Protein backbone atom coordinates (compact mmCIF):
# COMPACT_ATOMS: atom_id res chain seq x y z
CA MET A 1 90.35 -60.05 77.58
CA CYS A 2 90.92 -62.42 74.69
CA PRO A 3 87.96 -62.78 72.30
CA VAL A 4 85.41 -65.44 73.15
CA GLY A 5 86.23 -68.61 71.29
CA HIS A 6 89.97 -68.52 71.81
CA VAL A 7 90.98 -71.81 73.32
CA GLY A 8 93.51 -70.34 75.73
CA CYS A 9 90.92 -67.96 77.15
CA LEU A 10 88.24 -70.59 77.60
CA VAL A 11 90.21 -72.94 79.80
CA GLY A 12 88.79 -72.64 83.28
CA HIS A 13 85.26 -71.83 82.10
CA ARG A 14 83.44 -75.12 82.41
CA GLU A 15 80.29 -74.00 80.67
CA GLN A 16 82.27 -73.22 77.51
CA ALA A 17 84.71 -76.11 77.58
CA SER A 18 82.77 -78.78 75.73
CA HIS A 19 83.82 -77.63 72.27
CA VAL A 20 87.51 -77.30 73.14
CA ARG A 21 87.98 -80.77 74.61
CA SER A 22 91.15 -81.28 72.58
CA LEU A 23 92.94 -78.84 74.88
CA ALA A 24 90.96 -78.41 78.07
CA ARG A 25 89.77 -81.99 78.44
CA PRO A 26 91.67 -84.31 76.09
CA LEU A 27 89.96 -87.56 75.22
CA ASN A 28 91.24 -91.06 75.92
CA TRP A 29 93.14 -90.25 79.07
CA GLY A 30 91.32 -92.93 81.03
CA THR A 31 91.98 -93.00 84.73
CA VAL A 32 95.16 -91.13 85.57
CA SER A 33 96.91 -92.01 88.81
CA SER A 34 98.14 -89.42 91.28
CA SER A 35 101.70 -90.23 90.25
CA ALA A 36 101.11 -89.22 86.63
CA ALA A 37 103.17 -86.10 87.17
CA SER A 38 106.22 -86.03 89.38
CA GLY A 39 105.44 -84.31 92.63
CA HIS A 40 102.52 -86.74 92.97
CA HIS A 41 99.80 -84.15 92.62
CA PRO A 42 96.33 -85.63 92.15
CA ILE A 43 94.42 -84.65 89.04
CA ALA A 44 92.94 -81.24 89.70
CA GLU A 45 89.27 -81.10 90.64
CA VAL A 46 88.83 -77.99 88.49
CA ALA A 47 90.17 -76.93 85.13
CA PRO A 48 93.50 -75.05 85.06
CA LEU A 49 93.64 -71.29 85.41
CA SER A 50 94.04 -69.06 82.36
CA LEU A 51 96.27 -66.01 82.11
CA CYS A 52 94.03 -64.76 79.31
CA ALA A 53 91.12 -64.60 81.75
CA ARG A 54 93.02 -62.34 84.14
CA GLU A 55 92.78 -58.54 84.01
CA PRO A 56 94.60 -57.44 87.16
CA HIS A 57 94.33 -53.98 88.68
CA VAL A 58 97.41 -52.78 90.55
CA PRO A 59 96.98 -49.73 92.83
CA ALA A 60 99.87 -47.31 93.21
CA ASP A 61 100.46 -48.24 96.85
CA ARG A 62 101.11 -51.84 95.82
CA LEU A 63 103.75 -50.67 93.34
CA VAL A 64 105.56 -48.89 96.17
CA ALA A 65 105.17 -51.76 98.65
CA GLU A 66 106.57 -54.24 96.13
CA MET A 67 109.83 -52.33 95.60
CA VAL A 68 111.80 -55.03 97.41
CA PRO A 69 113.89 -57.93 96.03
CA PRO A 70 111.59 -60.48 94.34
CA PRO A 71 110.90 -63.93 95.86
CA ARG A 72 113.76 -65.58 93.96
CA PHE A 73 116.23 -63.27 95.72
CA GLU A 74 114.67 -62.97 99.19
CA THR A 75 117.53 -64.95 100.68
CA ALA A 76 120.30 -63.59 98.45
CA ARG A 77 123.34 -62.51 100.44
CA PHE A 78 126.97 -61.82 99.59
CA ASP A 79 128.02 -65.03 101.35
CA THR A 80 125.58 -67.10 99.26
CA TYR A 81 127.00 -65.76 96.01
CA ILE A 82 129.41 -68.35 94.62
CA PRO A 83 132.10 -66.64 92.53
CA ASP A 84 133.56 -68.53 89.61
CA PRO A 85 137.21 -69.17 90.59
CA ASN A 86 138.19 -68.51 86.99
CA GLN A 87 136.58 -65.04 87.05
CA PRO A 88 138.34 -62.77 89.58
CA SER A 89 135.99 -59.91 88.70
CA GLN A 90 133.21 -61.76 90.53
CA THR A 91 135.15 -61.91 93.80
CA GLU A 92 136.12 -58.27 93.34
CA ALA A 93 132.47 -57.32 92.86
CA VAL A 94 131.55 -58.85 96.22
CA ARG A 95 134.37 -56.92 97.91
CA VAL A 96 133.44 -53.58 96.33
CA LEU A 97 129.71 -53.94 96.96
CA SER A 98 130.22 -55.04 100.57
CA GLY A 99 132.24 -51.88 101.16
CA PHE A 100 129.62 -49.78 99.37
CA ALA A 101 126.87 -51.19 101.62
CA ALA A 102 128.91 -50.54 104.77
CA GLY A 103 129.44 -46.96 103.66
CA LEU A 104 125.69 -46.39 103.53
CA GLY A 105 125.32 -46.79 107.30
CA GLY A 106 124.64 -43.88 109.60
CA ALA A 107 122.69 -40.76 108.75
CA HIS A 108 121.09 -40.17 105.39
CA ALA A 109 123.53 -38.35 103.14
CA SER A 110 121.44 -35.19 102.88
CA GLY A 111 118.90 -35.77 105.61
CA ALA A 112 116.10 -35.65 103.04
CA GLY A 113 112.69 -35.96 104.56
CA LYS A 114 114.06 -35.16 108.06
CA ARG A 115 115.21 -31.53 107.79
CA ARG A 116 113.41 -28.87 109.73
CA TRP A 117 112.31 -25.76 107.86
CA PHE A 118 115.26 -23.72 109.19
CA GLN A 119 117.92 -26.32 108.41
CA LYS A 120 120.11 -25.86 105.38
CA LYS A 121 120.11 -28.73 102.92
CA ALA A 122 123.43 -30.55 102.80
CA ALA A 123 125.33 -30.42 99.55
CA ALA A 124 125.07 -33.45 97.30
CA PRO A 125 128.21 -35.57 97.36
CA ALA A 126 130.74 -34.91 94.64
CA GLY A 127 131.40 -37.53 91.99
CA PRO A 128 129.38 -40.66 91.23
CA ARG A 129 126.89 -41.63 93.91
CA GLY A 130 126.20 -45.07 92.52
CA ILE A 131 127.60 -48.38 91.31
CA TYR A 132 126.77 -49.89 87.97
CA LEU A 133 127.10 -53.68 87.62
CA ASP A 134 127.81 -54.50 84.01
CA GLY A 135 128.16 -58.03 82.69
CA GLY A 136 126.79 -60.84 80.57
CA TYR A 137 123.72 -62.95 81.18
CA GLY A 138 123.55 -65.06 84.29
CA VAL A 139 126.74 -63.92 86.02
CA GLY A 140 124.75 -63.16 89.18
CA LYS A 141 124.22 -59.40 88.86
CA THR A 142 120.70 -59.49 90.30
CA HIS A 143 121.89 -61.73 93.16
CA LEU A 144 124.59 -59.17 93.97
CA LEU A 145 122.15 -56.25 93.68
CA ALA A 146 119.70 -57.96 96.04
CA SER A 147 122.59 -58.77 98.40
CA LEU A 148 123.49 -55.09 98.44
CA TRP A 149 119.90 -54.20 99.34
CA HIS A 150 119.88 -56.72 102.18
CA ALA A 151 123.34 -55.68 103.43
CA THR A 152 122.62 -51.95 103.52
CA PRO A 153 122.11 -50.99 107.19
CA ALA A 154 118.73 -49.33 106.84
CA ALA A 155 115.11 -50.25 107.48
CA PRO A 156 113.29 -51.83 104.50
CA GLU A 157 111.20 -48.69 104.04
CA GLN A 158 114.43 -46.71 103.51
CA LYS A 159 115.56 -48.94 100.63
CA ALA A 160 113.92 -49.57 97.27
CA PHE A 161 114.54 -52.35 94.72
CA GLY A 162 112.89 -52.63 91.32
CA THR A 163 113.46 -53.16 87.64
CA PHE A 164 113.81 -50.25 85.26
CA VAL A 165 110.31 -51.00 83.94
CA GLU A 166 108.89 -51.02 87.47
CA LEU A 167 110.55 -47.67 88.20
CA THR A 168 109.04 -46.00 85.14
CA ASN A 169 105.68 -47.55 86.00
CA LEU A 170 105.93 -46.05 89.49
CA VAL A 171 106.46 -42.59 88.00
CA GLY A 172 103.45 -43.16 85.78
CA ALA A 173 101.30 -44.14 88.75
CA LEU A 174 102.45 -41.51 91.27
CA GLY A 175 103.58 -38.67 89.05
CA PHE A 176 107.13 -37.33 88.87
CA GLN A 177 107.12 -35.04 91.91
CA GLN A 178 105.41 -37.57 94.18
CA THR A 179 107.93 -40.23 93.11
CA VAL A 180 110.77 -37.88 94.05
CA ARG A 181 109.13 -37.28 97.44
CA THR A 182 108.50 -41.01 97.95
CA LEU A 183 112.04 -42.12 97.09
CA GLY A 184 113.91 -38.98 98.15
CA GLY A 185 114.11 -40.03 101.79
CA HIS A 186 115.57 -43.42 100.91
CA ARG A 187 119.15 -44.39 101.59
CA LEU A 188 119.43 -46.66 98.53
CA LEU A 189 117.66 -47.23 95.22
CA CYS A 190 118.51 -50.46 93.36
CA ILE A 191 117.52 -50.66 89.69
CA ASP A 192 117.70 -54.03 87.97
CA GLU A 193 117.76 -54.58 84.19
CA PHE A 194 118.68 -50.98 83.43
CA GLU A 195 118.34 -50.96 79.66
CA LEU A 196 116.76 -48.01 77.94
CA ASP A 197 114.04 -48.63 75.37
CA ASP A 198 113.19 -45.14 74.16
CA PRO A 199 114.33 -41.52 74.50
CA GLY A 200 111.27 -40.62 76.59
CA ASP A 201 112.21 -43.10 79.30
CA THR A 202 115.79 -41.89 79.16
CA VAL A 203 114.89 -38.26 79.81
CA LEU A 204 112.44 -39.27 82.55
CA VAL A 205 114.85 -41.51 84.45
CA SER A 206 117.80 -39.16 83.96
CA SER A 207 115.77 -36.36 85.55
CA LEU A 208 114.53 -38.61 88.36
CA LEU A 209 117.97 -39.93 89.28
CA SER A 210 119.46 -36.44 89.21
CA LYS A 211 116.80 -35.32 91.69
CA LEU A 212 117.35 -38.35 93.92
CA VAL A 213 121.14 -37.99 93.90
CA GLY A 214 120.62 -34.37 94.91
CA GLU A 215 118.61 -35.64 97.87
CA GLY A 216 121.47 -37.92 98.88
CA VAL A 217 120.05 -41.22 97.64
CA ALA A 218 122.69 -43.79 96.71
CA LEU A 219 122.13 -45.69 93.47
CA ALA A 220 122.98 -49.19 92.29
CA ALA A 221 122.01 -50.67 88.95
CA THR A 222 122.57 -53.72 86.77
CA SER A 223 122.64 -54.06 83.03
CA ASN A 224 124.23 -55.95 80.20
CA THR A 225 125.46 -52.64 78.79
CA LEU A 226 127.96 -50.14 80.15
CA PRO A 227 126.21 -46.89 81.17
CA GLY A 228 128.01 -44.85 78.52
CA LYS A 229 126.66 -47.18 75.83
CA LEU A 230 123.03 -47.53 76.89
CA GLY A 231 120.73 -47.23 73.92
CA GLU A 232 123.53 -47.95 71.48
CA GLY A 233 122.15 -49.40 68.27
CA ARG A 234 118.71 -47.96 68.91
CA PHE A 235 118.71 -44.17 69.11
CA ALA A 236 121.47 -41.80 68.13
CA ALA A 237 119.72 -38.43 68.45
CA THR A 238 121.83 -35.68 70.00
CA ASP A 239 119.41 -35.08 72.88
CA PHE A 240 119.24 -38.78 73.63
CA MET A 241 123.01 -39.15 73.75
CA ARG A 242 123.30 -36.13 76.02
CA GLU A 243 120.88 -37.73 78.48
CA ILE A 244 122.83 -41.00 78.34
CA GLN A 245 126.01 -39.18 79.28
CA GLY A 246 124.18 -37.46 82.12
CA LEU A 247 123.06 -40.81 83.49
CA SER A 248 126.55 -42.24 83.17
CA SER A 249 127.96 -39.51 85.39
CA HIS A 250 125.97 -40.85 88.36
CA PHE A 251 127.69 -44.26 88.30
CA THR A 252 131.03 -45.96 88.72
CA ALA A 253 130.98 -49.02 86.45
CA LEU A 254 131.94 -52.42 87.85
CA ARG A 255 132.46 -55.10 85.21
CA ILE A 256 131.53 -58.71 86.08
CA ASP A 257 132.68 -61.44 83.70
CA GLY A 258 131.66 -65.09 83.53
CA GLU A 259 129.41 -67.66 81.92
CA ASP A 260 125.64 -67.89 82.43
CA TYR A 261 125.28 -69.60 85.83
CA ARG A 262 121.70 -70.59 84.98
CA HIS A 263 123.17 -73.17 82.61
CA ARG A 264 126.60 -73.75 84.18
CA GLY A 265 127.18 -77.48 84.41
CA LEU A 266 123.51 -78.26 83.81
CA PRO A 267 122.03 -80.59 81.19
CA GLU A 268 120.44 -79.24 78.05
CA ALA A 269 117.02 -77.68 78.50
CA PRO A 270 114.22 -80.16 77.80
CA ALA A 271 112.79 -80.13 74.30
CA PRO A 272 109.21 -78.87 73.95
CA TYR A 273 106.55 -81.40 74.91
CA SER A 274 103.46 -82.46 73.03
CA GLU A 275 100.23 -80.52 73.49
CA GLU A 276 98.70 -83.53 75.24
CA GLN A 277 101.60 -83.75 77.71
CA VAL A 278 101.38 -80.04 78.52
CA THR A 279 97.61 -80.14 78.97
CA LYS A 280 97.78 -83.26 81.10
CA ALA A 281 100.42 -81.67 83.34
CA ALA A 282 98.31 -78.51 83.68
CA TYR A 283 95.39 -80.56 85.00
CA ALA A 284 97.67 -82.48 87.36
CA THR A 285 99.47 -79.45 88.82
CA GLU A 286 98.01 -77.30 91.55
CA ARG A 287 97.48 -73.64 90.55
CA ALA A 288 98.75 -74.20 87.00
CA SER A 289 97.60 -72.00 84.15
CA LEU A 290 96.98 -73.29 80.63
CA ASP A 291 96.95 -70.98 77.62
CA ASP A 292 97.40 -71.05 73.88
CA PHE A 293 100.58 -69.04 73.23
CA PRO A 294 99.38 -66.85 70.32
CA HIS A 295 96.29 -65.82 72.27
CA LEU A 296 98.36 -65.10 75.36
CA LEU A 297 100.55 -62.76 73.31
CA ASP A 298 97.39 -61.00 72.14
CA HIS A 299 96.18 -60.69 75.73
CA LEU A 300 99.50 -59.19 76.86
CA SER A 301 98.93 -56.33 74.42
CA LYS A 302 95.83 -55.39 76.43
CA VAL A 303 97.48 -55.51 79.87
CA HIS A 304 99.96 -52.82 80.93
CA PRO A 305 103.41 -54.31 81.64
CA SER A 306 103.26 -52.88 85.18
CA ARG A 307 100.54 -55.48 85.83
CA TYR A 308 102.42 -58.53 84.56
CA GLY A 309 103.57 -59.35 88.08
CA ALA A 310 99.98 -59.37 89.31
CA LEU A 311 99.04 -61.41 86.24
CA THR A 312 101.25 -64.21 87.54
CA ASP A 313 100.22 -64.02 91.20
CA ASP A 314 99.81 -67.36 93.00
CA LEU A 315 100.69 -69.53 90.00
CA GLY A 316 102.23 -72.96 90.52
CA ALA A 317 103.22 -73.32 86.86
CA VAL A 318 102.57 -71.76 83.46
CA CYS A 319 101.62 -74.24 80.73
CA LEU A 320 101.67 -73.03 77.13
CA THR A 321 100.59 -74.78 73.95
CA ASP A 322 101.48 -73.93 70.36
CA VAL A 323 104.52 -71.79 71.13
CA THR A 324 105.54 -70.07 67.89
CA PRO A 325 108.11 -67.41 66.96
CA VAL A 326 107.12 -63.94 68.15
CA PRO A 327 105.73 -61.92 65.22
CA ASP A 328 107.04 -58.41 65.93
CA GLN A 329 109.23 -56.29 68.17
CA SER A 330 106.46 -54.81 70.35
CA THR A 331 105.13 -58.27 71.13
CA ALA A 332 108.65 -59.51 71.81
CA LEU A 333 109.36 -56.75 74.34
CA ARG A 334 106.13 -57.52 76.20
CA LEU A 335 107.14 -61.18 76.34
CA VAL A 336 110.51 -60.17 77.80
CA VAL A 337 108.75 -58.41 80.68
CA LEU A 338 106.53 -61.44 81.32
CA ALA A 339 109.58 -63.73 81.30
CA ASP A 340 111.27 -61.49 83.88
CA ARG A 341 108.23 -61.55 86.18
CA LEU A 342 107.92 -65.35 85.91
CA TYR A 343 111.62 -65.75 86.63
CA ASP A 344 111.45 -63.42 89.63
CA ARG A 345 108.59 -65.51 91.03
CA GLU A 346 110.22 -68.87 90.21
CA VAL A 347 107.22 -70.06 88.19
CA PRO A 348 108.08 -73.13 86.04
CA VAL A 349 107.10 -72.90 82.36
CA LEU A 350 106.03 -76.01 80.44
CA ALA A 351 105.46 -75.62 76.71
CA SER A 352 104.67 -77.30 73.42
CA GLY A 353 105.71 -75.90 70.05
CA VAL A 354 109.07 -74.39 69.11
CA PRO A 355 111.99 -74.29 71.60
CA PHE A 356 112.47 -71.04 73.48
CA ASP A 357 115.73 -70.31 71.66
CA ARG A 358 113.68 -69.95 68.47
CA LEU A 359 111.21 -67.40 69.85
CA PHE A 360 113.01 -64.40 68.37
CA SER A 361 114.03 -63.87 64.76
CA GLU A 362 117.62 -63.43 63.62
CA ASP A 363 116.89 -59.76 62.97
CA MET A 364 115.71 -59.35 66.56
CA LEU A 365 118.72 -61.17 67.98
CA ASN A 366 121.05 -58.94 65.96
CA GLY A 367 119.20 -55.69 66.68
CA GLY A 368 119.25 -53.05 69.38
CA TYR A 369 117.19 -55.08 71.85
CA ARG A 370 119.23 -58.26 71.48
CA LYS A 371 120.43 -58.19 75.10
CA LYS A 372 116.84 -58.26 76.34
CA TYR A 373 115.97 -61.16 74.05
CA PHE A 374 118.97 -63.23 75.07
CA ARG A 375 118.12 -62.61 78.73
CA ALA A 376 114.55 -63.79 78.09
CA ILE A 377 115.81 -66.95 76.36
CA SER A 378 118.18 -67.65 79.25
CA ARG A 379 115.45 -67.19 81.86
CA LEU A 380 112.72 -69.10 80.01
CA THR A 381 115.16 -71.96 79.43
CA ALA A 382 115.89 -72.09 83.17
CA LEU A 383 112.14 -72.11 83.93
CA ALA A 384 111.58 -74.86 81.34
CA ARG A 385 114.21 -76.94 83.11
CA ASP A 386 112.38 -76.30 86.41
CA ALA A 387 109.16 -77.58 84.81
CA LYS A 388 110.61 -80.89 83.68
CA GLY A 389 109.34 -82.68 86.77
CA LEU A 390 105.73 -81.76 85.98
CA VAL A 391 105.61 -84.27 83.13
CA GLY A 392 105.19 -87.94 83.99
CA ASP A 393 107.51 -90.58 82.63
């Protein structure tokens, strides 16, 4: 938990709020009408929530149960994906993935989890057993991946959907062998945001996917990097590159071109608001959190990224004051994970300070993790646009 005395951590604790009135209870508001924020929420009876005050515990069974498309993509289907008419690769992706889903009907490829002791295990299929969706930011890769999950003719418990980070967290919680047993009877494993951060994760996931493919599990993944070039610009060790090539052999790459749909034809993202506007909106919005950005970054360092989803449970909005550039790479990568979880859950983000496109330094945006940072900027900008209605005229 953030140290006592940090403004962002004190919001929500009435007995400690008197000396932080400038943020938690700004002076000179007077009587604020219920229409002060669009949406016509009355001023909250209690102080806003604080992310810094949350220390969620996530049991392993919840990690397994949550391996389904996130709320933002619960209704994603191939027929709700709107291809850009100027990008034929998008229409082609729908065609290929629809056929891939149809081909996953019927019996499990190897019968994993259903064989009797005297039955001989079926041979793993030859050639790639997965599809890899490669493309820029906001071309609808996650929508297509979720559509594939929904279209695959199998019960929900026979399909799994999660980000790369969530998959590695599952292995950490269950152990390698138990993860293989848990996922080995599945018909399909969908992995979103498949971008490797370190050689350890690469070896782990390469071994896991090889085991699952051997059990007949079909794979589908998204990334902003072709599978043969994962990790490029970060690690060039011989062992690492060998693992990358091993991963690549499991997939047939499908390139999807196009502009970022999150900003296609939309107005510019709103500029940051004043601290008073953000605080006022936090008090006027049901289930909003209010935190000082630097202290939130500090708190994230004390919470495992596998818990960031639980950290944002039941939030109506995230309000941040004093947004400043992120100081280092480790902090930046944690912020990327938080941005992904907020985007998945469609939580608007209202902020004061610097614009989100200035969160990451030029060195970061030109380095090996640049694709992650640009994705975070794209998603936070979309969430900032969603939050515009929280501020009164």
